[in-house]
PDB file of N, CA and C in Angstrom:
ATOM      1  N   MET A   1      21.124   9.893 -32.234  1.00  0.00           N
ATOM      2  CA  MET A   1      21.532   9.988 -30.766  1.00  0.00           C
ATOM      3  C   MET A   1      21.658  11.456 -30.155  1.00  0.00           C
ATOM      4  N   HIS A   2      22.071  12.350 -30.945  1.00  0.00           N
ATOM      5  CA  HIS A   2      22.312  13.781 -30.664  1.00  0.00           C
ATOM      6  C   HIS A   2      20.638  14.181 -30.310  1.00  0.00           C
ATOM      7  N   GLU A   3      19.743  13.841 -30.695  1.00  0.00           N
ATOM      8  CA  GLU A   3      18.273  14.403 -30.495  1.00  0.00           C
ATOM      9  C   GLU A   3      17.843  13.890 -29.312  1.00  0.00           C
ATOM     10  N   LEU A   4      18.312  12.659 -28.617  1.00  0.00           N
ATOM     11  CA  LEU A   4      17.741  12.288 -27.313  1.00  0.00           C
ATOM     12  C   LEU A   4      18.478  12.878 -26.055  1.00  0.00           C
ATOM     13  N   ILE A   5      19.754  13.453 -26.349  1.00  0.00           N
ATOM     14  CA  ILE A   5      20.347  13.953 -25.116  1.00  0.00           C
ATOM     15  C   ILE A   5      19.488  15.151 -24.749  1.00  0.00           C
ATOM     16  N   PRO A   6      18.909  16.104 -25.211  1.00  0.00           N
ATOM     17  CA  PRO A   6      18.202  17.120 -24.524  1.00  0.00           C
ATOM     18  C   PRO A   6      16.719  16.479 -23.977  1.00  0.00           C
ATOM     19  N   ILE A   7      16.125  15.410 -24.263  1.00  0.00           N
ATOM     20  CA  ILE A   7      15.125  14.727 -23.693  1.00  0.00           C
ATOM     21  C   ILE A   7      15.559  14.052 -22.342  1.00  0.00           C
ATOM     22  N   LEU A   8      16.498  13.435 -22.415  1.00  0.00           N
ATOM     23  CA  LEU A   8      17.167  12.729 -21.161  1.00  0.00           C
ATOM     24  C   LEU A   8      17.602  13.943 -20.154  1.00  0.00           C
ATOM     25  N   VAL A   9      18.028  15.017 -20.575  1.00  0.00           N
ATOM     26  CA  VAL A   9      18.328  15.981 -19.549  1.00  0.00           C
ATOM     27  C   VAL A   9      17.227  16.706 -18.808  1.00  0.00           C
ATOM     28  N   MET A  10      16.353  16.838 -19.639  1.00  0.00           N
ATOM     29  CA  MET A  10      15.055  17.673 -19.098  1.00  0.00           C
ATOM     30  C   MET A  10      14.430  16.721 -17.758  1.00  0.00           C
ATOM     31  N   GLY A  11      14.600  15.299 -17.974  1.00  0.00           N
ATOM     32  CA  GLY A  11      14.066  14.596 -17.021  1.00  0.00           C
ATOM     33  C   GLY A  11      12.447  14.374 -17.099  1.00  0.00           C
ATOM     34  N   ALA A  12      12.098  13.452 -16.079  1.00  0.00           N
ATOM     35  CA  ALA A  12      10.526  13.229 -16.065  1.00  0.00           C
ATOM     36  C   ALA A  12       9.771  14.502 -15.634  1.00  0.00           C
ATOM     37  N   PRO A  13       8.499  14.642 -16.168  1.00  0.00           N
ATOM     38  CA  PRO A  13       7.554  15.634 -15.939  1.00  0.00           C
ATOM     39  C   PRO A  13       7.100  15.631 -14.446  1.00  0.00           C
ATOM     40  N   SER A  14       7.009  16.622 -13.870  1.00  0.00           N
ATOM     41  CA  SER A  14       6.481  16.598 -12.355  1.00  0.00           C
ATOM     42  C   SER A  14       5.026  16.266 -12.281  1.00  0.00           C
ATOM     43  N   GLN A  15       4.667  15.509 -11.232  1.00  0.00           N
ATOM     44  CA  GLN A  15       3.454  15.122 -11.022  1.00  0.00           C
ATOM     45  C   GLN A  15       2.174  16.158 -10.528  1.00  0.00           C
ATOM     46  N   GLY A  16       2.756  17.377 -10.172  1.00  0.00           N
ATOM     47  CA  GLY A  16       1.755  18.482  -9.571  1.00  0.00           C
ATOM     48  C   GLY A  16       2.112  18.532  -8.082  1.00  0.00           C
ATOM     49  N   GLY A  17       1.265  19.521  -7.711  1.00  0.00           N
ATOM     50  CA  GLY A  17       1.976  20.142  -6.275  1.00  0.00           C
ATOM     51  C   GLY A  17       1.116  19.323  -4.923  1.00  0.00           C
ATOM     52  N   GLY A  18       1.161  18.033  -5.083  1.00  0.00           N
ATOM     53  CA  GLY A  18       0.688  17.290  -3.932  1.00  0.00           C
ATOM     54  C   GLY A  18      -0.994  17.360  -3.721  1.00  0.00           C
ATOM     55  N   ALA A  19      -1.314  18.211  -2.524  1.00  0.00           N
ATOM     56  CA  ALA A  19      -2.618  18.384  -2.445  1.00  0.00           C
ATOM     57  C   ALA A  19      -3.482  18.997  -3.282  1.00  0.00           C
ATOM     58  N   GLY A  20      -3.034  19.898  -4.112  1.00  0.00           N
ATOM     59  CA  GLY A  20      -3.730  20.605  -5.109  1.00  0.00           C
ATOM     60  C   GLY A  20      -3.786  19.567  -6.328  1.00  0.00           C
ATOM     61  N   GLY A  21      -3.058  18.795  -6.509  1.00  0.00           N
ATOM     62  CA  GLY A  21      -3.281  17.755  -7.476  1.00  0.00           C
ATOM     63  C   GLY A  21      -4.295  16.895  -7.338  1.00  0.00           C
ATOM     64  N   ILE A  22      -4.366  16.476  -6.123  1.00  0.00           N
ATOM     65  CA  ILE A  22      -5.369  15.295  -5.882  1.00  0.00           C
ATOM     66  C   ILE A  22      -6.937  16.078  -5.869  1.00  0.00           C
ATOM     67  N   VAL A  23      -7.173  17.293  -5.297  1.00  0.00           N
ATOM     68  CA  VAL A  23      -8.230  18.044  -5.433  1.00  0.00           C
ATOM     69  C   VAL A  23      -8.553  18.395  -7.028  1.00  0.00           C
ATOM     70  N   ALA A  24      -7.626  18.544  -7.887  1.00  0.00           N
ATOM     71  CA  ALA A  24      -8.015  18.915  -9.289  1.00  0.00           C
ATOM     72  C   ALA A  24      -8.547  17.668 -10.065  1.00  0.00           C
ATOM     73  N   SER A  25      -7.854  16.475  -9.667  1.00  0.00           N
ATOM     74  CA  SER A  25      -8.033  15.207 -10.165  1.00  0.00           C
ATOM     75  C   SER A  25      -9.508  14.632  -9.493  1.00  0.00           C
ATOM     76  N   ILE A  26      -9.864  15.063  -8.514  1.00  0.00           N
ATOM     77  CA  ILE A  26     -11.247  14.517  -7.634  1.00  0.00           C
ATOM     78  C   ILE A  26     -12.281  15.365  -8.217  1.00  0.00           C
ATOM     79  N   LEU A  27     -12.236  16.740  -8.425  1.00  0.00           N
ATOM     80  CA  LEU A  27     -13.079  17.607  -8.903  1.00  0.00           C
ATOM     81  C   LEU A  27     -13.892  17.225 -10.033  1.00  0.00           C
ATOM     82  N   PRO A  28     -13.323  16.926 -11.289  1.00  0.00           N
ATOM     83  CA  PRO A  28     -14.209  16.390 -12.428  1.00  0.00           C
ATOM     84  C   PRO A  28     -15.141  15.137 -12.073  1.00  0.00           C
ATOM     85  N   ILE A  29     -14.499  14.324 -11.177  1.00  0.00           N
ATOM     86  CA  ILE A  29     -15.089  12.902 -10.880  1.00  0.00           C
ATOM     87  C   ILE A  29     -16.442  13.499 -10.249  1.00  0.00           C
ATOM     88  N   ALA A  30     -16.386  14.224  -9.077  1.00  0.00           N
ATOM     89  CA  ALA A  30     -17.429  14.699  -8.161  1.00  0.00           C
ATOM     90  C   ALA A  30     -18.305  15.466  -9.234  1.00  0.00           C
ATOM     91  N   ALA A  31     -18.036  16.275 -10.088  1.00  0.00           N
ATOM     92  CA  ALA A  31     -18.999  16.928 -10.911  1.00  0.00           C
ATOM     93  C   ALA A  31     -19.901  16.106 -11.874  1.00  0.00           C
ATOM     94  N   MET A  32     -19.160  14.957 -12.543  1.00  0.00           N
ATOM     95  CA  MET A  32     -19.780  14.014 -12.952  1.00  0.00           C
ATOM     96  C   MET A  32     -20.939  13.115 -12.269  1.00  0.00           C
ATOM     97  N   ILE A  33     -20.640  12.998 -10.973  1.00  0.00           N
ATOM     98  CA  ILE A  33     -21.587  12.320 -10.044  1.00  0.00           C
ATOM     99  C   ILE A  33     -22.533  13.094  -9.897  1.00  0.00           C
ATOM    100  N   ALA A  34     -22.538  14.283  -9.563  1.00  0.00           N
ATOM    101  CA  ALA A  34     -23.410  15.365  -9.398  1.00  0.00           C
ATOM    102  C   ALA A  34     -24.440  15.423 -10.384  1.00  0.00           C
ATOM    103  N   ILE A  35     -23.917  15.529 -11.648  1.00  0.00           N
ATOM    104  CA  ILE A  35     -24.686  15.501 -12.837  1.00  0.00           C
ATOM    105  C   ILE A  35     -25.357  14.340 -13.173  1.00  0.00           C
ATOM    106  N   LEU A  36     -24.994  13.261 -12.831  1.00  0.00           N
ATOM    107  CA  LEU A  36     -25.650  11.828 -12.861  1.00  0.00           C
ATOM    108  C   LEU A  36     -26.774  11.878 -11.773  1.00  0.00           C
ATOM    109  N   TRP A  37     -26.448  12.344 -10.402  1.00  0.00           N
ATOM    110  CA  TRP A  37     -27.483  12.414  -9.747  1.00  0.00           C
ATOM    111  C   TRP A  37     -28.904  13.439 -10.045  1.00  0.00           C
ATOM    112  N   PHE A  38     -28.674  14.339 -10.528  1.00  0.00           N
ATOM    113  CA  PHE A  38     -29.498  15.389 -10.787  1.00  0.00           C
ATOM    114  C   PHE A  38     -30.538  15.061 -12.427  1.00  0.00           C
ATOM    115  N   LEU A  39     -29.510  14.243 -13.161  1.00  0.00           N
ATOM    116  CA  LEU A  39     -30.265  13.923 -14.440  1.00  0.00           C
ATOM    117  C   LEU A  39     -30.934  12.544 -14.502  1.00  0.00           C
ATOM    118  N   LEU A  40     -30.258  11.607 -13.675  1.00  0.00           N
ATOM    119  CA  LEU A  40     -30.832  10.097 -13.654  1.00  0.00           C
ATOM    120  C   LEU A  40     -31.486   9.752 -12.394  1.00  0.00           C
ATOM    121  N   ILE A  41     -30.693   9.686 -11.068  1.00  0.00           N
ATOM    122  CA  ILE A  41     -31.151   9.202 -10.075  1.00  0.00           C
ATOM    123  C   ILE A  41     -32.181   9.910  -9.523  1.00  0.00           C
ATOM    124  N   ARG A  42     -32.411  11.088  -9.172  1.00  0.00           N
ATOM    125  CA  ARG A  42     -33.322  12.040  -8.545  1.00  0.00           C
ATOM    126  C   ARG A  42     -34.591  11.895  -9.262  1.00  0.00           C
ATOM    127  N   PRO A  43     -34.727  12.121 -10.585  1.00  0.00           N
ATOM    128  CA  PRO A  43     -36.030  12.011 -11.125  1.00  0.00           C
ATOM    129  C   PRO A  43     -36.590  10.546 -11.262  1.00  0.00           C
ATOM    130  N   GLN A  44     -35.805   9.617 -11.208  1.00  0.00           N
ATOM    131  CA  GLN A  44     -36.171   8.079 -11.178  1.00  0.00           C
ATOM    132  C   GLN A  44     -36.838   7.792  -9.510  1.00  0.00           C
ATOM    133  N   ARG A  45     -36.292   8.416  -8.757  1.00  0.00           N
ATOM    134  CA  ARG A  45     -36.733   8.446  -7.220  1.00  0.00           C
ATOM    135  C   ARG A  45     -38.082   9.152  -7.232  1.00  0.00           C
ATOM    136  N   LYS A  46     -38.424  10.266  -7.648  1.00  0.00           N
ATOM    137  CA  LYS A  46     -39.543  10.881  -7.709  1.00  0.00           C
ATOM    138  C   LYS A  46     -40.530  10.117  -8.365  1.00  0.00           C
ATOM    139  N   GLU A  47     -40.162   9.462  -9.577  1.00  0.00           N
ATOM    140  CA  GLU A  47     -41.245   9.022 -10.195  1.00  0.00           C
ATOM    141  C   GLU A  47     -41.705   7.582  -9.166  1.00  0.00           C
ATOM    142  N   GLN A  48     -40.800   7.029  -8.794  1.00  0.00           N
ATOM    143  CA  GLN A  48     -41.058   6.006  -7.900  1.00  0.00           C
ATOM    144  C   GLN A  48     -41.991   6.058  -6.578  1.00  0.00           C
ATOM    145  N   GLN A  49     -41.549   7.366  -6.047  1.00  0.00           N
ATOM    146  CA  GLN A  49     -42.458   7.853  -4.998  1.00  0.00           C
ATOM    147  C   GLN A  49     -43.877   8.170  -5.642  1.00  0.00           C
ATOM    148  N   ARG A  50     -44.266   8.692  -6.639  1.00  0.00           N
ATOM    149  CA  ARG A  50     -45.262   8.864  -7.294  1.00  0.00           C
ATOM    150  C   ARG A  50     -46.123   7.911  -7.457  1.00  0.00           C
ATOM    151  N   HIS A  51     -45.312   6.785  -8.145  1.00  0.00           N
ATOM    152  CA  HIS A  51     -46.089   5.435  -8.209  1.00  0.00           C
ATOM    153  C   HIS A  51     -46.453   4.571  -7.074  1.00  0.00           C
ATOM    154  N   LEU A  52     -45.806   4.835  -6.000  1.00  0.00           N
ATOM    155  CA  LEU A  52     -46.227   4.238  -4.822  1.00  0.00           C
ATOM    156  C   LEU A  52     -47.313   4.872  -4.225  1.00  0.00           C
ATOM    157  N   GLU A  53     -47.336   6.127  -4.128  1.00  0.00           N
ATOM    158  CA  GLU A  53     -48.518   6.929  -3.576  1.00  0.00           C
ATOM    159  C   GLU A  53     -49.683   6.630  -4.510  1.00  0.00           C
ATOM    160  N   MET A  54     -49.821   6.501  -5.722  1.00  0.00           N
ATOM    161  CA  MET A  54     -50.768   6.221  -6.662  1.00  0.00           C
ATOM    162  C   MET A  54     -51.211   4.772  -6.585  1.00  0.00           C
ATOM    163  N   VAL A  55     -50.495   3.821  -6.116  1.00  0.00           N
ATOM    164  CA  VAL A  55     -50.754   2.368  -5.923  1.00  0.00           C
ATOM    165  C   VAL A  55     -51.378   2.333  -4.488  1.00  0.00           C
ATOM    166  N   LYS A  56     -51.110   3.204  -3.492  1.00  0.00           N
ATOM    167  CA  LYS A  56     -51.396   3.244  -2.228  1.00  0.00           C
ATOM    168  C   LYS A  56     -53.011   3.644  -2.113  1.00  0.00           C
ATOM    169  N   ASN A  57     -53.306   4.725  -2.997  1.00  0.00           N
ATOM    170  CA  ASN A  57     -54.496   5.324  -3.055  1.00  0.00           C
ATOM    171  C   ASN A  57     -55.605   4.864  -4.031  1.00  0.00           C
ATOM    172  N   LEU A  58     -55.267   3.535  -4.600  1.00  0.00           N
ATOM    173  CA  LEU A  58     -56.262   2.921  -5.292  1.00  0.00           C
ATOM    174  C   LEU A  58     -57.655   2.565  -4.683  1.00  0.00           C
ATOM    175  N   LYS A  59     -58.707   2.530  -5.150  1.00  0.00           N
ATOM    176  CA  LYS A  59     -59.900   2.275  -4.530  1.00  0.00           C
ATOM    177  C   LYS A  59     -60.687   1.414  -5.517  1.00  0.00           C
ATOM    178  N   LYS A  60     -62.001   0.860  -4.716  1.00  0.00           N
ATOM    179  CA  LYS A  60     -62.668   0.062  -5.629  1.00  0.00           C
ATOM    180  C   LYS A  60     -63.752   1.109  -6.631  1.00  0.00           C
ATOM    181  N   GLY A  61     -63.750   0.582  -7.926  1.00  0.00           N
ATOM    182  CA  GLY A  61     -64.392   1.396  -8.901  1.00  0.00           C
ATOM    183  C   GLY A  61     -63.390   2.206  -9.835  1.00  0.00           C
ATOM    184  N   ASP A  62     -62.173   2.260  -9.405  1.00  0.00           N
ATOM    185  CA  ASP A  62     -61.192   3.272 -10.261  1.00  0.00           C
ATOM    186  C   ASP A  62     -60.781   2.380 -11.786  1.00  0.00           C
ATOM    187  N   GLU A  63     -60.847   3.144 -12.714  1.00  0.00           N
ATOM    188  CA  GLU A  63     -60.480   2.438 -13.843  1.00  0.00           C
ATOM    189  C   GLU A  63     -58.929   2.544 -14.114  1.00  0.00           C
ATOM    190  N   VAL A  64     -58.318   1.439 -14.252  1.00  0.00           N
ATOM    191  CA  VAL A  64     -56.682   1.658 -14.278  1.00  0.00           C
ATOM    192  C   VAL A  64     -56.135   0.888 -15.511  1.00  0.00           C
ATOM    193  N   VAL A  65     -54.978   1.027 -15.808  1.00  0.00           N
ATOM    194  CA  VAL A  65     -54.282   0.318 -16.893  1.00  0.00           C
ATOM    195  C   VAL A  65     -53.197  -0.301 -16.128  1.00  0.00           C
ATOM    196  N   THR A  66     -52.958  -1.421 -16.684  1.00  0.00           N
ATOM    197  CA  THR A  66     -51.854  -2.333 -16.213  1.00  0.00           C
ATOM    198  C   THR A  66     -50.557  -2.143 -16.908  1.00  0.00           C
ATOM    199  N   MET A  67     -49.695  -2.655 -16.480  1.00  0.00           N
ATOM    200  CA  MET A  67     -48.219  -2.769 -17.178  1.00  0.00           C
ATOM    201  C   MET A  67     -48.281  -3.450 -18.423  1.00  0.00           C
ATOM    202  N   GLY A  68     -49.172  -4.400 -18.457  1.00  0.00           N
ATOM    203  CA  GLY A  68     -49.181  -5.064 -19.836  1.00  0.00           C
ATOM    204  C   GLY A  68     -50.333  -4.435 -20.929  1.00  0.00           C
ATOM    205  N   GLY A  69     -50.834  -3.189 -20.479  1.00  0.00           N
ATOM    206  CA  GLY A  69     -51.827  -2.471 -21.310  1.00  0.00           C
ATOM    207  C   GLY A  69     -53.192  -2.988 -21.379  1.00  0.00           C
ATOM    208  N   ILE A  70     -53.522  -3.573 -20.200  1.00  0.00           N
ATOM    209  CA  ILE A  70     -54.723  -4.118 -20.010  1.00  0.00           C
ATOM    210  C   ILE A  70     -55.570  -3.030 -19.153  1.00  0.00           C
ATOM    211  N   TYR A  71     -56.757  -2.632 -19.688  1.00  0.00           N
ATOM    212  CA  TYR A  71     -57.741  -1.806 -19.040  1.00  0.00           C
ATOM    213  C   TYR A  71     -58.699  -2.384 -18.310  1.00  0.00           C
ATOM    214  N   GLY A  72     -59.095  -1.929 -17.045  1.00  0.00           N
ATOM    215  CA  GLY A  72     -59.949  -2.655 -16.372  1.00  0.00           C
ATOM    216  C   GLY A  72     -60.745  -1.899 -15.339  1.00  0.00           C
ATOM    217  N   ARG A  73     -61.669  -2.387 -14.619  1.00  0.00           N
ATOM    218  CA  ARG A  73     -62.330  -1.470 -13.547  1.00  0.00           C
ATOM    219  C   ARG A  73     -62.044  -2.361 -12.371  1.00  0.00           C
ATOM    220  N   ILE A  74     -61.564  -1.579 -11.057  1.00  0.00           N
ATOM    221  CA  ILE A  74     -61.377  -2.529  -9.930  1.00  0.00           C
ATOM    222  C   ILE A  74     -62.498  -2.907  -9.241  1.00  0.00           C
ATOM    223  N   MET A  75     -62.653  -4.123  -9.102  1.00  0.00           N
ATOM    224  CA  MET A  75     -63.773  -4.747  -8.231  1.00  0.00           C
ATOM    225  C   MET A  75     -63.358  -5.026  -6.929  1.00  0.00           C
ATOM    226  N   SER A  76     -62.353  -5.344  -6.537  1.00  0.00           N
ATOM    227  CA  SER A  76     -61.615  -5.620  -5.150  1.00  0.00           C
ATOM    228  C   SER A  76     -60.124  -5.429  -5.095  1.00  0.00           C
ATOM    229  N   LEU A  77     -59.706  -5.040  -3.815  1.00  0.00           N
ATOM    230  CA  LEU A  77     -58.248  -4.923  -3.545  1.00  0.00           C
ATOM    231  C   LEU A  77     -58.037  -5.598  -2.288  1.00  0.00           C
ATOM    232  N   ASP A  78     -56.652  -5.980  -2.286  1.00  0.00           N
ATOM    233  CA  ASP A  78     -56.158  -6.340  -0.961  1.00  0.00           C
ATOM    234  C   ASP A  78     -54.763  -6.043  -0.919  1.00  0.00           C
ATOM    235  N   ALA A  79     -53.817  -6.374   0.012  1.00  0.00           N
ATOM    236  CA  ALA A  79     -52.522  -5.671   0.128  1.00  0.00           C
ATOM    237  C   ALA A  79     -51.667  -6.131  -1.146  1.00  0.00           C
ATOM    238  N   GLU A  80     -51.903  -7.215  -1.864  1.00  0.00           N
ATOM    239  CA  GLU A  80     -50.984  -7.860  -2.756  1.00  0.00           C
ATOM    240  C   GLU A  80     -51.554  -7.647  -4.249  1.00  0.00           C
ATOM    241  N   LYS A  81     -52.904  -8.089  -4.481  1.00  0.00           N
ATOM    242  CA  LYS A  81     -53.571  -7.809  -5.679  1.00  0.00           C
ATOM    243  C   LYS A  81     -54.737  -7.172  -5.894  1.00  0.00           C
ATOM    244  N   ILE A  82     -55.184  -6.998  -6.972  1.00  0.00           N
ATOM    245  CA  ILE A  82     -56.316  -6.280  -7.445  1.00  0.00           C
ATOM    246  C   ILE A  82     -57.060  -7.267  -8.517  1.00  0.00           C
ATOM    247  N   SER A  83     -58.365  -7.229  -8.303  1.00  0.00           N
ATOM    248  CA  SER A  83     -59.351  -7.854  -9.142  1.00  0.00           C
ATOM    249  C   SER A  83     -60.075  -6.982 -10.023  1.00  0.00           C
ATOM    250  N   LEU A  84     -59.758  -7.262 -11.264  1.00  0.00           N
ATOM    251  CA  LEU A  84     -60.157  -6.025 -12.269  1.00  0.00           C
ATOM    252  C   LEU A  84     -61.186  -6.910 -13.121  1.00  0.00           C
ATOM    253  N   ARG A  85     -62.374  -6.251 -13.500  1.00  0.00           N
ATOM    254  CA  ARG A  85     -63.271  -6.314 -14.477  1.00  0.00           C
ATOM    255  C   ARG A  85     -62.908  -5.793 -15.928  1.00  0.00           C
ATOM    256  N   VAL A  86     -62.467  -6.644 -16.901  1.00  0.00           N
ATOM    257  CA  VAL A  86     -61.936  -5.923 -18.110  1.00  0.00           C
ATOM    258  C   VAL A  86     -63.041  -6.380 -19.056  1.00  0.00           C
ATOM    259  N   SER A  87     -64.126  -7.067 -18.861  1.00  0.00           N
ATOM    260  CA  SER A  87     -65.198  -7.044 -19.771  1.00  0.00           C
ATOM    261  C   SER A  87     -66.506  -7.669 -18.973  1.00  0.00           C
ATOM    262  N   ASP A  88     -67.489  -7.753 -19.703  1.00  0.00           N
ATOM    263  CA  ASP A  88     -68.818  -8.236 -18.884  1.00  0.00           C
ATOM    264  C   ASP A  88     -68.758  -9.329 -18.030  1.00  0.00           C
ATOM    265  N   ASN A  89     -68.035 -10.619 -18.518  1.00  0.00           N
ATOM    266  CA  ASN A  89     -68.034 -11.583 -17.788  1.00  0.00           C
ATOM    267  C   ASN A  89     -66.610 -12.033 -17.509  1.00  0.00           C
ATOM    268  N   VAL A  90     -65.618 -11.340 -17.688  1.00  0.00           N
ATOM    269  CA  VAL A  90     -64.176 -11.335 -17.369  1.00  0.00           C
ATOM    270  C   VAL A  90     -63.669 -10.578 -16.478  1.00  0.00           C
ATOM    271  N   LYS A  91     -63.149 -11.470 -15.334  1.00  0.00           N
ATOM    272  CA  LYS A  91     -62.228 -10.724 -14.295  1.00  0.00           C
ATOM    273  C   LYS A  91     -61.000 -11.523 -14.067  1.00  0.00           C
ATOM    274  N   ILE A  92     -60.132 -10.372 -13.783  1.00  0.00           N
ATOM    275  CA  ILE A  92     -58.672 -11.063 -13.628  1.00  0.00           C
ATOM    276  C   ILE A  92     -58.066 -10.420 -12.547  1.00  0.00           C
ATOM    277  N   ASP A  93     -56.931 -11.337 -11.675  1.00  0.00           N
ATOM    278  CA  ASP A  93     -56.387 -10.693 -10.779  1.00  0.00           C
ATOM    279  C   ASP A  93     -54.963 -10.269 -11.149  1.00  0.00           C
ATOM    280  N   VAL A  94     -54.686  -9.139 -10.873  1.00  0.00           N
ATOM    281  CA  VAL A  94     -53.331  -8.621 -10.989  1.00  0.00           C
ATOM    282  C   VAL A  94     -52.485  -8.251  -9.700  1.00  0.00           C
ATOM    283  N   GLU A  95     -51.359  -8.035  -9.942  1.00  0.00           N
ATOM    284  CA  GLU A  95     -50.474  -7.774  -8.956  1.00  0.00           C
ATOM    285  C   GLU A  95     -50.787  -6.132  -8.716  1.00  0.00           C
ATOM    286  N   ARG A  96     -50.788  -5.782  -7.593  1.00  0.00           N
ATOM    287  CA  ARG A  96     -51.008  -4.228  -7.180  1.00  0.00           C
ATOM    288  C   ARG A  96     -49.991  -3.410  -7.646  1.00  0.00           C
ATOM    289  N   SER A  97     -48.783  -3.695  -7.683  1.00  0.00           N
ATOM    290  CA  SER A  97     -47.651  -2.854  -8.179  1.00  0.00           C
ATOM    291  C   SER A  97     -47.555  -2.811  -9.689  1.00  0.00           C
ATOM    292  N   LYS A  98     -48.474  -3.612 -10.238  1.00  0.00           N
ATOM    293  CA  LYS A  98     -48.404  -3.602 -11.797  1.00  0.00           C
ATOM    294  C   LYS A  98     -49.396  -2.731 -12.506  1.00  0.00           C
ATOM    295  N   VAL A  99     -49.830  -1.719 -11.652  1.00  0.00           N
ATOM    296  CA  VAL A  99     -50.879  -0.858 -12.120  1.00  0.00           C
ATOM    297  C   VAL A  99     -50.038   0.307 -12.414  1.00  0.00           C
ATOM    298  N   VAL A 100     -50.168   0.725 -13.769  1.00  0.00           N
ATOM    299  CA  VAL A 100     -49.268   1.889 -14.325  1.00  0.00           C
ATOM    300  C   VAL A 100     -50.082   3.123 -13.942  1.00  0.00           C
ATOM    301  N   ARG A 101     -51.362   3.398 -14.191  1.00  0.00           N
ATOM    302  CA  ARG A 101     -52.086   4.488 -13.912  1.00  0.00           C
ATOM    303  C   ARG A 101     -53.274   4.377 -13.724  1.00  0.00           C
ATOM    304  N   VAL A 102     -54.067   5.406 -13.496  1.00  0.00           N
ATOM    305  CA  VAL A 102     -55.536   5.492 -13.004  1.00  0.00           C
ATOM    306  C   VAL A 102     -55.995   6.338 -14.245  1.00  0.00           C
ATOM    307  N   VAL A 103     -57.053   5.756 -14.967  1.00  0.00           N
ATOM    308  CA  VAL A 103     -57.650   6.457 -16.066  1.00  0.00           C
ATOM    309  C   VAL A 103     -58.607   7.305 -15.588  1.00  0.00           C
ATOM    310  N   THR A 104     -58.376   8.727 -15.941  1.00  0.00           N
ATOM    311  CA  THR A 104     -59.434   9.957 -15.330  1.00  0.00           C
ATOM    312  C   THR A 104     -60.502  10.009 -16.363  1.00  0.00           C
ATOM    313  N   PRO A 105     -61.617   9.975 -16.062  1.00  0.00           N
ATOM    314  CA  PRO A 105     -62.730  10.117 -16.983  1.00  0.00           C
ATOM    315  C   PRO A 105     -62.637  11.688 -17.499  1.00  0.00           C
ATOM    316  N   LYS A 106     -63.096  11.558 -18.724  1.00  0.00           N
ATOM    317  CA  LYS A 106     -62.968  13.068 -19.811  1.00  0.00           C
ATOM    318  C   LYS A 106     -64.121  13.996 -19.129  1.00  0.00           C
ATOM    319  N   ILE A 107     -63.946  15.173 -19.129  1.00  0.00           N
ATOM    320  CA  ILE A 107     -64.601  16.063 -18.624  1.00  0.00           C
ATOM    321  C   ILE A 107     -66.032  16.193 -19.063  1.00  0.00           C
ATOM    322  N   GLU A 108     -66.267  15.703 -20.464  1.00  0.00           N
ATOM    323  CA  GLU A 108     -67.663  15.716 -21.137  1.00  0.00           C
ATOM    324  C   GLU A 108     -68.493  14.539 -20.429  1.00  0.00           C
ATOM    325  N   GLU A 109     -67.744  13.257 -20.110  1.00  0.00           N
ATOM    326  CA  GLU A 109     -68.499  12.129 -19.482  1.00  0.00           C
ATOM    327  C   GLU A 109     -68.736  12.590 -18.071  1.00  0.00           C
ATOM    328  N   VAL A 110     -68.086  13.506 -17.293  1.00  0.00           N
ATOM    329  CA  VAL A 110     -68.415  13.811 -15.884  1.00  0.00           C
ATOM    330  C   VAL A 110     -69.545  14.982 -15.902  1.00  0.00           C
ATOM    331  N   GLU A 111     -69.681  15.622 -16.758  1.00  0.00           N
ATOM    332  CA  GLU A 111     -70.649  16.634 -16.871  1.00  0.00           C
ATOM    333  C   GLU A 111     -72.100  15.911 -17.412  1.00  0.00           C
ATOM    334  N   SER A 112     -71.959  14.938 -18.048  1.00  0.00           N
ATOM    335  CA  SER A 112     -73.301  14.145 -18.657  1.00  0.00           C
ATOM    336  C   SER A 112     -73.804  13.565 -17.447  1.00  0.00           C
ATOM    337  N   LYS A 113     -73.201  13.066 -16.523  1.00  0.00           N
ATOM    338  CA  LYS A 113     -73.708  12.200 -15.477  1.00  0.00           C
ATOM    339  C   LYS A 113     -74.397  13.029 -14.450  1.00  0.00           C
TER     340      LYS A 113
END
């Protein structure tokens, strides 16, 4: 019982100095949001922009890779889909946005042509 008396006399701890306490509590949250923005959101948006630009610039004859890993040469295009030749007598239609990348020819192949 005697040990509780000093604790009761001290009272509750103070909550800080008003506006200074609010700023001090918001600052770490704002810092975390800024870090997430620069590490996650911003690079993802840049990659989205790069992909949209690549899909917009596709043309007939480009060799591409689809999201499913299929390699093919573009035979025809329209706003929504692409027709790919994947083998001699095999032609498939793919959604335009599912093209992951354009395969660039190797330097040796370009020089030999």
